[in-house]
PDB file of all heavy atoms in Angstrom:
ATOM      1  N   LEU A   1     -46.448 103.904 -49.245  1.00  0.00           N
ATOM      2  CA  LEU A   1     -46.589 105.309 -48.853  1.00  0.00           C
ATOM      3  C   LEU A   1     -47.819 105.933 -49.511  1.00  0.00           C
ATOM      4  O   LEU A   1     -48.555 106.691 -48.877  1.00  0.00           O
ATOM      5  CB  LEU A   1     -45.329 106.101 -49.215  1.00  0.00           C
ATOM      6  CG  LEU A   1     -44.098 105.811 -48.367  1.00  0.00           C
ATOM      7  CD1 LEU A   1     -42.870 106.510 -48.949  1.00  0.00           C
ATOM      8  CD2 LEU A   1     -44.321 106.222 -46.921  1.00  0.00           C
ATOM      9  N   THR A   2     -48.065 105.586 -50.773  1.00  0.00           N
ATOM     10  CA  THR A   2     -49.249 106.077 -51.464  1.00  0.00           C
ATOM     11  C   THR A   2     -50.515 105.530 -50.818  1.00  0.00           C
ATOM     12  O   THR A   2     -51.485 106.266 -50.589  1.00  0.00           O
ATOM     13  CB  THR A   2     -49.196 105.691 -52.956  1.00  0.00           C
ATOM     14  OG1 THR A   2     -48.005 106.234 -53.527  1.00  0.00           O
ATOM     15  CG2 THR A   2     -50.412 106.210 -53.706  1.00  0.00           C
ATOM     16  N   ALA A   3     -50.518 104.232 -50.498  1.00  0.00           N
ATOM     17  CA  ALA A   3     -51.685 103.622 -49.848  1.00  0.00           C
ATOM     18  C   ALA A   3     -51.917 104.232 -48.469  1.00  0.00           C
ATOM     19  O   ALA A   3     -53.062 104.452 -48.065  1.00  0.00           O
ATOM     20  CB  ALA A   3     -51.492 102.110 -49.730  1.00  0.00           C
ATOM     21  N   PHE A   4     -50.852 104.527 -47.762  1.00  0.00           N
ATOM     22  CA  PHE A   4     -50.984 105.150 -46.445  1.00  0.00           C
ATOM     23  C   PHE A   4     -51.559 106.557 -46.582  1.00  0.00           C
ATOM     24  O   PHE A   4     -52.484 106.936 -45.851  1.00  0.00           O
ATOM     25  CB  PHE A   4     -49.628 105.198 -45.735  1.00  0.00           C
ATOM     26  CG  PHE A   4     -49.684 105.874 -44.401  1.00  0.00           C
ATOM     27  CD1 PHE A   4     -50.218 105.222 -43.299  1.00  0.00           C
ATOM     28  CD2 PHE A   4     -49.212 107.170 -44.239  1.00  0.00           C
ATOM     29  CE1 PHE A   4     -50.286 105.842 -42.061  1.00  0.00           C
ATOM     30  CE2 PHE A   4     -49.271 107.800 -43.017  1.00  0.00           C
ATOM     31  CZ  PHE A   4     -49.814 107.138 -41.920  1.00  0.00           C
ATOM     32  N   ALA A   5     -51.025 107.331 -47.534  1.00  0.00           N
ATOM     33  CA  ALA A   5     -51.500 108.706 -47.721  1.00  0.00           C
ATOM     34  C   ALA A   5     -52.944 108.734 -48.226  1.00  0.00           C
ATOM     35  O   ALA A   5     -53.737 109.580 -47.805  1.00  0.00           O
ATOM     36  CB  ALA A   5     -50.583 109.448 -48.697  1.00  0.00           C
ATOM     37  N   ALA A   6     -53.300 107.805 -49.119  1.00  0.00           N
ATOM     38  CA  ALA A   6     -54.632 107.833 -49.720  1.00  0.00           C
ATOM     39  C   ALA A   6     -55.703 107.203 -48.836  1.00  0.00           C
ATOM     40  O   ALA A   6     -56.827 107.693 -48.784  1.00  0.00           O
ATOM     41  CB  ALA A   6     -54.600 107.120 -51.068  1.00  0.00           C
ATOM     42  N   THR A   7     -55.347 106.113 -48.133  1.00  0.00           N
ATOM     43  CA  THR A   7     -56.383 105.371 -47.403  1.00  0.00           C
ATOM     44  C   THR A   7     -56.036 105.097 -45.949  1.00  0.00           C
ATOM     45  O   THR A   7     -56.823 104.472 -45.238  1.00  0.00           O
ATOM     46  CB  THR A   7     -56.661 104.011 -48.079  1.00  0.00           C
ATOM     47  OG1 THR A   7     -55.490 103.183 -47.980  1.00  0.00           O
ATOM     48  CG2 THR A   7     -57.061 104.188 -49.533  1.00  0.00           C
ATOM     49  N   GLY A   8     -54.845 105.528 -45.507  1.00  0.00           N
ATOM     50  CA  GLY A   8     -54.454 105.277 -44.127  1.00  0.00           C
ATOM     51  C   GLY A   8     -54.041 103.837 -43.863  1.00  0.00           C
ATOM     52  O   GLY A   8     -54.045 103.387 -42.717  1.00  0.00           O
ATOM     53  N   GLU A   9     -53.680 103.101 -44.910  1.00  0.00           N
ATOM     54  CA  GLU A   9     -53.303 101.694 -44.757  1.00  0.00           C
ATOM     55  C   GLU A   9     -52.087 101.558 -43.838  1.00  0.00           C
ATOM     56  O   GLU A   9     -51.100 102.268 -43.978  1.00  0.00           O
ATOM     57  CB  GLU A   9     -52.989 101.071 -46.113  1.00  0.00           C
ATOM     58  CG  GLU A   9     -52.621  99.609 -46.028  1.00  0.00           C
ATOM     59  CD  GLU A   9     -52.369  98.993 -47.392  1.00  0.00           C
ATOM     60  OE1 GLU A   9     -53.022  99.403 -48.365  1.00  0.00           O
ATOM     61  OE2 GLU A   9     -51.512  98.106 -47.479  1.00  0.00           O
ATOM     62  N   ILE A  10     -52.176 100.630 -42.908  1.00  0.00           N
ATOM     63  CA  ILE A  10     -51.100 100.360 -41.963  1.00  0.00           C
ATOM     64  C   ILE A  10     -50.481  99.011 -42.308  1.00  0.00           C
ATOM     65  O   ILE A  10     -51.200  98.047 -42.592  1.00  0.00           O
ATOM     66  CB  ILE A  10     -51.628 100.334 -40.506  1.00  0.00           C
ATOM     67  CG1 ILE A  10     -52.330 101.646 -40.171  1.00  0.00           C
ATOM     68  CG2 ILE A  10     -50.518 100.038 -39.519  1.00  0.00           C
ATOM     69  CD1 ILE A  10     -51.436 102.866 -40.176  1.00  0.00           C
ATOM     70  N   LEU A  11     -49.151  98.920 -42.254  1.00  0.00           N
ATOM     71  CA  LEU A  11     -48.472  97.661 -42.539  1.00  0.00           C
ATOM     72  C   LEU A  11     -48.568  96.711 -41.351  1.00  0.00           C
ATOM     73  O   LEU A  11     -48.490  97.132 -40.199  1.00  0.00           O
ATOM     74  CB  LEU A  11     -46.991  97.903 -42.830  1.00  0.00           C
ATOM     75  CG  LEU A  11     -46.623  98.594 -44.126  1.00  0.00           C
ATOM     76  CD1 LEU A  11     -45.113  98.745 -44.229  1.00  0.00           C
ATOM     77  CD2 LEU A  11     -47.140  97.829 -45.322  1.00  0.00           C
ATOM     78  N   SER A  12     -48.696  95.419 -41.650  1.00  0.00           N
ATOM     79  CA  SER A  12     -48.597  94.416 -40.594  1.00  0.00           C
ATOM     80  C   SER A  12     -47.132  94.333 -40.149  1.00  0.00           C
ATOM     81  O   SER A  12     -46.239  94.870 -40.803  1.00  0.00           O
ATOM     82  CB  SER A  12     -49.052  93.056 -41.122  1.00  0.00           C
ATOM     83  OG  SER A  12     -48.117  92.575 -42.083  1.00  0.00           O
ATOM     84  N   ARG A  13     -46.895  93.658 -39.055  1.00  0.00           N
ATOM     85  CA  ARG A  13     -45.517  93.518 -38.558  1.00  0.00           C
ATOM     86  C   ARG A  13     -44.658  92.821 -39.611  1.00  0.00           C
ATOM     87  O   ARG A  13     -43.538  93.250 -39.873  1.00  0.00           O
ATOM     88  CB  ARG A  13     -45.488  92.739 -37.250  1.00  0.00           C
ATOM     89  CG  ARG A  13     -44.095  92.674 -36.689  1.00  0.00           C
ATOM     90  CD  ARG A  13     -43.970  92.097 -35.286  1.00  0.00           C
ATOM     91  NE  ARG A  13     -45.171  91.587 -34.698  1.00  0.00           N
ATOM     92  CZ  ARG A  13     -45.307  90.358 -34.204  1.00  0.00           C
ATOM     93  NH1 ARG A  13     -44.315  89.515 -34.242  1.00  0.00           N
ATOM     94  NH2 ARG A  13     -46.433  89.969 -33.660  1.00  0.00           N
ATOM     95  N   GLN A  14     -45.185  91.754 -40.229  1.00  0.00           N
ATOM     96  CA  GLN A  14     -44.438  91.028 -41.249  1.00  0.00           C
ATOM     97  C   GLN A  14     -44.114  91.931 -42.443  1.00  0.00           C
ATOM     98  O   GLN A  14     -42.993  91.924 -42.949  1.00  0.00           O
ATOM     99  CB  GLN A  14     -45.234  89.822 -41.744  1.00  0.00           C
ATOM    100  CG  GLN A  14     -45.329  88.700 -40.742  1.00  0.00           C
ATOM    101  CD  GLN A  14     -46.253  87.623 -41.267  1.00  0.00           C
ATOM    102  OE1 GLN A  14     -47.464  87.827 -41.277  1.00  0.00           O
ATOM    103  NE2 GLN A  14     -45.701  86.522 -41.705  1.00  0.00           N
ATOM    104  N   ALA A  15     -45.084  92.694 -42.898  1.00  0.00           N
ATOM    105  CA  ALA A  15     -44.867  93.584 -44.040  1.00  0.00           C
ATOM    106  C   ALA A  15     -43.875  94.685 -43.681  1.00  0.00           C
ATOM    107  O   ALA A  15     -43.037  95.064 -44.505  1.00  0.00           O
ATOM    108  CB  ALA A  15     -46.182  94.179 -44.513  1.00  0.00           C
ATOM    109  N   ALA A  16     -43.945  95.206 -42.467  1.00  0.00           N
ATOM    110  CA  ALA A  16     -42.998  96.239 -42.037  1.00  0.00           C
ATOM    111  C   ALA A  16     -41.578  95.680 -41.993  1.00  0.00           C
ATOM    112  O   ALA A  16     -40.627  96.359 -42.401  1.00  0.00           O
ATOM    113  CB  ALA A  16     -43.405  96.784 -40.674  1.00  0.00           C
ATOM    114  N   ILE A  17     -41.421  94.456 -41.529  1.00  0.00           N
ATOM    115  CA  ILE A  17     -40.095  93.827 -41.507  1.00  0.00           C
ATOM    116  C   ILE A  17     -39.591  93.642 -42.939  1.00  0.00           C
ATOM    117  O   ILE A  17     -38.423  93.914 -43.240  1.00  0.00           O
ATOM    118  CB  ILE A  17     -40.137  92.485 -40.745  1.00  0.00           C
ATOM    119  CG1 ILE A  17     -40.360  92.747 -39.248  1.00  0.00           C
ATOM    120  CG2 ILE A  17     -38.862  91.678 -40.961  1.00  0.00           C
ATOM    121  CD1 ILE A  17     -40.675  91.502 -38.442  1.00  0.00           C
ATOM    122  N   GLY A  18     -40.479  93.205 -43.841  1.00  0.00           N
ATOM    123  CA  GLY A  18     -40.094  93.061 -45.246  1.00  0.00           C
ATOM    124  C   GLY A  18     -39.667  94.387 -45.855  1.00  0.00           C
ATOM    125  O   GLY A  18     -38.662  94.455 -46.560  1.00  0.00           O
ATOM    126  N   ALA A  19     -40.415  95.451 -45.561  1.00  0.00           N
ATOM    127  CA  ALA A  19     -40.051  96.779 -46.072  1.00  0.00           C
ATOM    128  C   ALA A  19     -38.701  97.226 -45.513  1.00  0.00           C
ATOM    129  O   ALA A  19     -37.879  97.780 -46.236  1.00  0.00           O
ATOM    130  CB  ALA A  19     -41.133  97.788 -45.713  1.00  0.00           C
ATOM    131  N   ALA A  20     -38.478  96.962 -44.238  1.00  0.00           N
ATOM    132  CA  ALA A  20     -37.191  97.325 -43.619  1.00  0.00           C
ATOM    133  C   ALA A  20     -36.047  96.550 -44.277  1.00  0.00           C
ATOM    134  O   ALA A  20     -34.963  97.105 -44.504  1.00  0.00           O
ATOM    135  CB  ALA A  20     -37.234  97.063 -42.122  1.00  0.00           C
ATOM    136  N   LEU A  21     -36.276  95.288 -44.602  1.00  0.00           N
ATOM    137  CA  LEU A  21     -35.238  94.496 -45.265  1.00  0.00           C
ATOM    138  C   LEU A  21     -34.948  95.019 -46.668  1.00  0.00           C
ATOM    139  O   LEU A  21     -33.787  95.070 -47.089  1.00  0.00           O
ATOM    140  CB  LEU A  21     -35.652  93.019 -45.313  1.00  0.00           C
ATOM    141  CG  LEU A  21     -35.625  92.284 -43.979  1.00  0.00           C
ATOM    142  CD1 LEU A  21     -36.231  90.892 -44.121  1.00  0.00           C
ATOM    143  CD2 LEU A  21     -34.215  92.201 -43.427  1.00  0.00           C
ATOM    144  N   ILE A  22     -35.993  95.426 -47.389  1.00  0.00           N
ATOM    145  CA  ILE A  22     -35.784  96.015 -48.721  1.00  0.00           C
ATOM    146  C   ILE A  22     -34.931  97.273 -48.601  1.00  0.00           C
ATOM    147  O   ILE A  22     -33.943  97.448 -49.317  1.00  0.00           O
ATOM    148  CB  ILE A  22     -37.132  96.343 -49.402  1.00  0.00           C
ATOM    149  CG1 ILE A  22     -37.857  95.059 -49.791  1.00  0.00           C
ATOM    150  CG2 ILE A  22     -36.924  97.232 -50.632  1.00  0.00           C
ATOM    151  CD1 ILE A  22     -39.285  95.292 -50.273  1.00  0.00           C
ATOM    152  N   LEU A  23     -35.308  98.164 -47.698  1.00  0.00           N
ATOM    153  CA  LEU A  23     -34.550  99.405 -47.527  1.00  0.00           C
ATOM    154  C   LEU A  23     -33.128  99.132 -47.068  1.00  0.00           C
ATOM    155  O   LEU A  23     -32.180  99.783 -47.517  1.00  0.00           O
ATOM    156  CB  LEU A  23     -35.270 100.323 -46.540  1.00  0.00           C
ATOM    157  CG  LEU A  23     -36.577 100.917 -47.058  1.00  0.00           C
ATOM    158  CD1 LEU A  23     -37.287 101.685 -45.956  1.00  0.00           C
ATOM    159  CD2 LEU A  23     -36.328 101.807 -48.255  1.00  0.00           C
ATOM    160  N   ALA A  24     -32.942  98.164 -46.158  1.00  0.00           N
ATOM    161  CA  ALA A  24     -31.591  97.823 -45.687  1.00  0.00           C
ATOM    162  C   ALA A  24     -30.741  97.306 -46.846  1.00  0.00           C
ATOM    163  O   ALA A  24     -29.563  97.669 -46.972  1.00  0.00           O
ATOM    164  CB  ALA A  24     -31.673  96.791 -44.571  1.00  0.00           C
ATOM    165  N   GLY A  25     -31.327  96.470 -47.704  1.00  0.00           N
ATOM    166  CA  GLY A  25     -30.584  95.969 -48.852  1.00  0.00           C
ATOM    167  C   GLY A  25     -30.170  97.083 -49.794  1.00  0.00           C
ATOM    168  O   GLY A  25     -29.045  97.103 -50.297  1.00  0.00           O
ATOM    169  N   ILE A  26     -31.065  98.031 -50.024  1.00  0.00           N
ATOM    170  CA  ILE A  26     -30.744  99.162 -50.895  1.00  0.00           C
ATOM    171  C   ILE A  26     -29.630 100.005 -50.279  1.00  0.00           C
ATOM    172  O   ILE A  26     -28.674 100.398 -50.957  1.00  0.00           O
ATOM    173  CB  ILE A  26     -32.004 100.003 -51.161  1.00  0.00           C
ATOM    174  CG1 ILE A  26     -32.974  99.206 -52.029  1.00  0.00           C
ATOM    175  CG2 ILE A  26     -31.657 101.333 -51.823  1.00  0.00           C
ATOM    176  CD1 ILE A  26     -34.349  99.811 -52.130  1.00  0.00           C
TER     177      ILE A  26
END
């Protein structure tokens, strides 16, 4: 979120799936 806000970084599909899995686990 910080990288997105500061530089507009977009997640790849793989990274987005990984982030979704982290959030789902939490």
